Amino acid sequence: MEGSSPGLSAERFHAWLNLLQTYSVVSGRIEAELDAAHGLSLAEHEVLIRLAQAEGTRLRMYDLADLLLLSKSGATRVVDRLEKRGLVERVVSTDDRRVVYAALTRSGAALLVKTRPLLHDSVERFFSGHLSDDEVARLRAVLRRVLEGNDAWAEHRCAPALEGAAPQSARRSG
């Protein structure tokens, strides 16, 4: 491969490009469907899922940013958009006013329930439906190895309970 560095084969570089392309195509198609049906970006939908899975359906903003692999300001921008729609609210800790939680509202929980069939169908059509169960298991093992190699594997972030996406009990607002 022209311009390649020693040690990086064409096959390895192409695998990297294919990973980028796959993410772009699949996430773009899923996001387009979420946006058309529910007015949500993929990042906004993930915030709703993460809050629904959290104890008390709320997370400290710092912890939410960590789960999303976003900067604190990036998480703040996503929460701002959801808060404007009444899907999430910010709650200041009663113990420490410096701590702010993002909390799922009833409206956010209701929208998450509505999005579940579309998300499951979209993931199946655009991603997992193209793979056998064995290929999915192998892919997860390979991706885990890459994440672990970059000190980025965290069980709570990378392998949360799927059914945990069902809202526990959302807050009163919305």
Protein backbone atom coordinates (compact mmCIF):
# COMPACT_ATOMS: atom_id res chain seq x y z
CA MET A 1 0.00 0.00 0.00
CA GLU A 2 1.46 3.31 -1.05
CA GLY A 3 2.34 5.60 1.84
CA SER A 4 1.75 2.93 4.46
CA SER A 5 3.91 2.77 7.54
CA PRO A 6 6.00 -0.32 8.27
CA GLY A 7 3.94 -2.85 10.18
CA LEU A 8 0.54 -1.70 8.94
CA SER A 9 -0.58 -4.02 6.18
CA ALA A 10 -3.12 -3.05 3.57
CA GLU A 11 -5.53 -5.59 5.06
CA ARG A 12 -5.29 -4.03 8.54
CA PHE A 13 -5.70 -0.51 7.14
CA HIS A 14 -8.70 -1.61 5.08
CA ALA A 15 -10.24 -3.25 8.15
CA TRP A 16 -9.91 0.10 9.94
CA LEU A 17 -11.53 1.95 7.02
CA ASN A 18 -14.32 -0.63 6.86
CA LEU A 19 -14.99 -0.18 10.60
CA LEU A 20 -15.34 3.58 10.07
CA GLN A 21 -17.57 3.09 7.03
CA THR A 22 -19.75 0.52 8.79
CA TYR A 23 -20.25 2.79 11.78
CA SER A 24 -21.09 5.74 9.54
CA VAL A 25 -23.57 3.84 7.35
CA VAL A 26 -25.31 1.86 10.08
CA SER A 27 -25.53 4.65 12.66
CA GLY A 28 -26.64 7.09 9.95
CA ARG A 29 -29.49 4.86 8.85
CA ILE A 30 -30.65 4.12 12.39
CA GLU A 31 -30.45 7.80 13.30
CA ALA A 32 -32.43 8.78 10.20
CA GLU A 33 -35.24 6.46 11.24
CA LEU A 34 -35.19 7.66 14.87
CA ASP A 35 -35.24 11.26 13.70
CA ALA A 36 -38.04 10.75 11.18
CA ALA A 37 -40.26 8.84 13.59
CA HIS A 38 -39.44 10.50 16.92
CA GLY A 39 -37.24 13.55 16.31
CA LEU A 40 -34.28 12.03 18.16
CA SER A 41 -30.63 11.78 17.28
CA LEU A 42 -28.79 8.58 18.13
CA ALA A 43 -26.90 10.41 20.90
CA GLU A 44 -30.15 11.71 22.39
CA HIS A 45 -31.66 8.24 22.27
CA GLU A 46 -28.62 6.79 24.01
CA VAL A 47 -28.98 9.35 26.82
CA LEU A 48 -32.58 8.23 27.36
CA ILE A 49 -31.48 4.57 27.42
CA ARG A 50 -28.62 5.23 29.85
CA LEU A 51 -30.87 7.19 32.20
CA ALA A 52 -33.56 4.49 32.05
CA GLN A 53 -30.96 1.89 33.01
CA ALA A 54 -29.60 3.94 35.92
CA GLU A 55 -30.71 3.52 39.50
CA GLY A 56 -33.46 6.06 40.10
CA THR A 57 -33.39 6.88 36.35
CA ARG A 58 -30.80 9.58 36.94
CA LEU A 59 -27.05 9.99 36.60
CA ARG A 60 -24.54 12.62 37.58
CA MET A 61 -23.62 14.59 34.47
CA TYR A 62 -20.00 13.45 34.87
CA ASP A 63 -21.05 9.78 34.94
CA LEU A 64 -23.37 10.27 31.96
CA ALA A 65 -20.54 11.80 29.93
CA ASP A 66 -18.35 8.82 30.83
CA LEU A 67 -20.99 6.33 29.69
CA LEU A 68 -21.48 8.19 26.41
CA LEU A 69 -17.73 8.59 25.82
CA LEU A 70 -18.32 12.33 25.48
CA SER A 71 -16.70 15.34 27.06
CA LYS A 72 -18.68 17.00 29.85
CA SER A 73 -19.57 19.83 27.47
CA GLY A 74 -20.68 17.33 24.80
CA ALA A 75 -22.97 15.59 27.29
CA THR A 76 -24.27 18.97 28.43
CA ARG A 77 -25.26 19.90 24.86
CA VAL A 78 -27.18 16.63 24.38
CA VAL A 79 -28.94 17.00 27.75
CA ASP A 80 -29.78 20.64 26.90
CA ARG A 81 -31.64 19.50 23.77
CA LEU A 82 -33.53 16.80 25.66
CA GLU A 83 -34.34 19.16 28.53
CA LYS A 84 -35.88 21.68 26.10
CA ARG A 85 -38.24 18.91 24.96
CA GLY A 86 -39.14 17.93 28.52
CA LEU A 87 -37.59 14.47 28.15
CA VAL A 88 -34.86 15.01 30.75
CA GLU A 89 -34.50 17.38 33.66
CA ARG A 90 -31.54 18.56 35.67
CA VAL A 91 -31.67 17.96 39.41
CA VAL A 92 -29.24 19.56 41.85
CA SER A 93 -28.05 17.24 44.60
CA THR A 94 -29.48 18.03 48.03
CA ASP A 95 -26.18 16.91 49.59
CA ASP A 96 -23.78 18.83 47.36
CA ARG A 97 -25.03 21.71 45.22
CA ARG A 98 -22.03 21.27 42.90
CA VAL A 99 -23.43 17.91 41.77
CA VAL A 100 -26.04 18.00 39.03
CA TYR A 101 -27.97 14.97 37.84
CA ALA A 102 -29.66 14.38 34.51
CA ALA A 103 -32.94 12.64 35.24
CA LEU A 104 -35.40 10.94 32.93
CA THR A 105 -38.88 12.49 32.98
CA ARG A 106 -42.13 10.63 32.45
CA SER A 107 -42.27 12.04 28.94
CA GLY A 108 -38.75 10.80 28.27
CA ALA A 109 -39.63 7.34 29.60
CA ALA A 110 -42.78 7.22 27.48
CA LEU A 111 -40.86 8.22 24.35
CA LEU A 112 -38.22 5.59 25.07
CA VAL A 113 -40.93 2.91 25.21
CA LYS A 114 -42.30 4.15 21.87
CA THR A 115 -38.87 4.06 20.23
CA ARG A 116 -37.97 0.52 21.33
CA PRO A 117 -39.69 -1.39 18.47
CA LEU A 118 -38.19 0.92 15.83
CA LEU A 119 -34.71 0.71 17.37
CA HIS A 120 -34.78 -3.08 17.64
CA ASP A 121 -36.06 -3.40 14.06
CA SER A 122 -33.47 -0.92 12.74
CA VAL A 123 -30.56 -2.61 14.51
CA GLU A 124 -31.70 -5.94 13.08
CA ARG A 125 -32.19 -4.61 9.52
CA PHE A 126 -29.08 -2.47 9.26
CA PHE A 127 -26.65 -4.41 11.44
CA SER A 128 -27.23 -7.75 13.13
CA GLY A 129 -29.50 -9.18 10.44
CA HIS A 130 -26.47 -9.38 8.16
CA LEU A 131 -24.61 -11.59 10.65
CA SER A 132 -25.08 -15.06 12.09
CA ASP A 133 -25.27 -15.47 15.87
CA ASP A 134 -21.75 -16.91 15.77
CA GLU A 135 -20.46 -13.90 13.81
CA VAL A 136 -22.08 -11.52 16.31
CA ALA A 137 -20.36 -13.33 19.19
CA ARG A 138 -17.00 -13.24 17.38
CA LEU A 139 -17.44 -9.56 16.49
CA ARG A 140 -18.21 -8.68 20.12
CA ALA A 141 -15.11 -10.58 21.25
CA VAL A 142 -12.92 -8.75 18.72
CA LEU A 143 -14.36 -5.33 19.60
CA ARG A 144 -13.91 -6.07 23.30
CA ARG A 145 -10.26 -6.96 22.69
CA VAL A 146 -9.73 -3.64 20.86
CA LEU A 147 -11.45 -1.69 23.64
CA GLU A 148 -9.48 -3.51 26.32
CA GLY A 149 -6.26 -2.83 24.40
CA ASN A 150 -7.10 0.86 24.61
CA ASP A 151 -8.11 0.70 28.29
CA ALA A 152 -11.66 1.57 27.29
CA TRP A 153 -13.64 -1.59 28.15
CA ALA A 154 -16.08 -1.05 31.00
CA GLU A 155 -18.69 -3.74 31.60
CA HIS A 156 -21.34 -1.26 32.77
CA ARG A 157 -20.89 0.80 29.60
CA CYS A 158 -20.14 -1.87 27.02
CA ALA A 159 -22.49 -4.67 28.07
CA PRO A 160 -25.48 -3.26 29.99
CA ALA A 161 -28.60 -5.37 30.37
CA LEU A 162 -30.76 -4.96 27.27
CA GLU A 163 -33.98 -5.16 29.22
CA GLY A 164 -32.61 -2.45 31.49
CA ALA A 165 -33.53 -0.05 28.70
CA ALA A 166 -37.11 -0.30 29.96
CA PRO A 167 -37.60 2.72 32.21
CA GLN A 168 -37.63 1.86 35.91
CA SER A 169 -39.70 4.75 37.20
CA ALA A 170 -39.32 8.15 35.67
CA ARG A 171 -39.51 11.45 37.47
CA ARG A 172 -42.70 13.49 37.62
CA SER A 173 -41.94 16.21 35.04
CA GLY A 174 -42.87 16.19 31.41
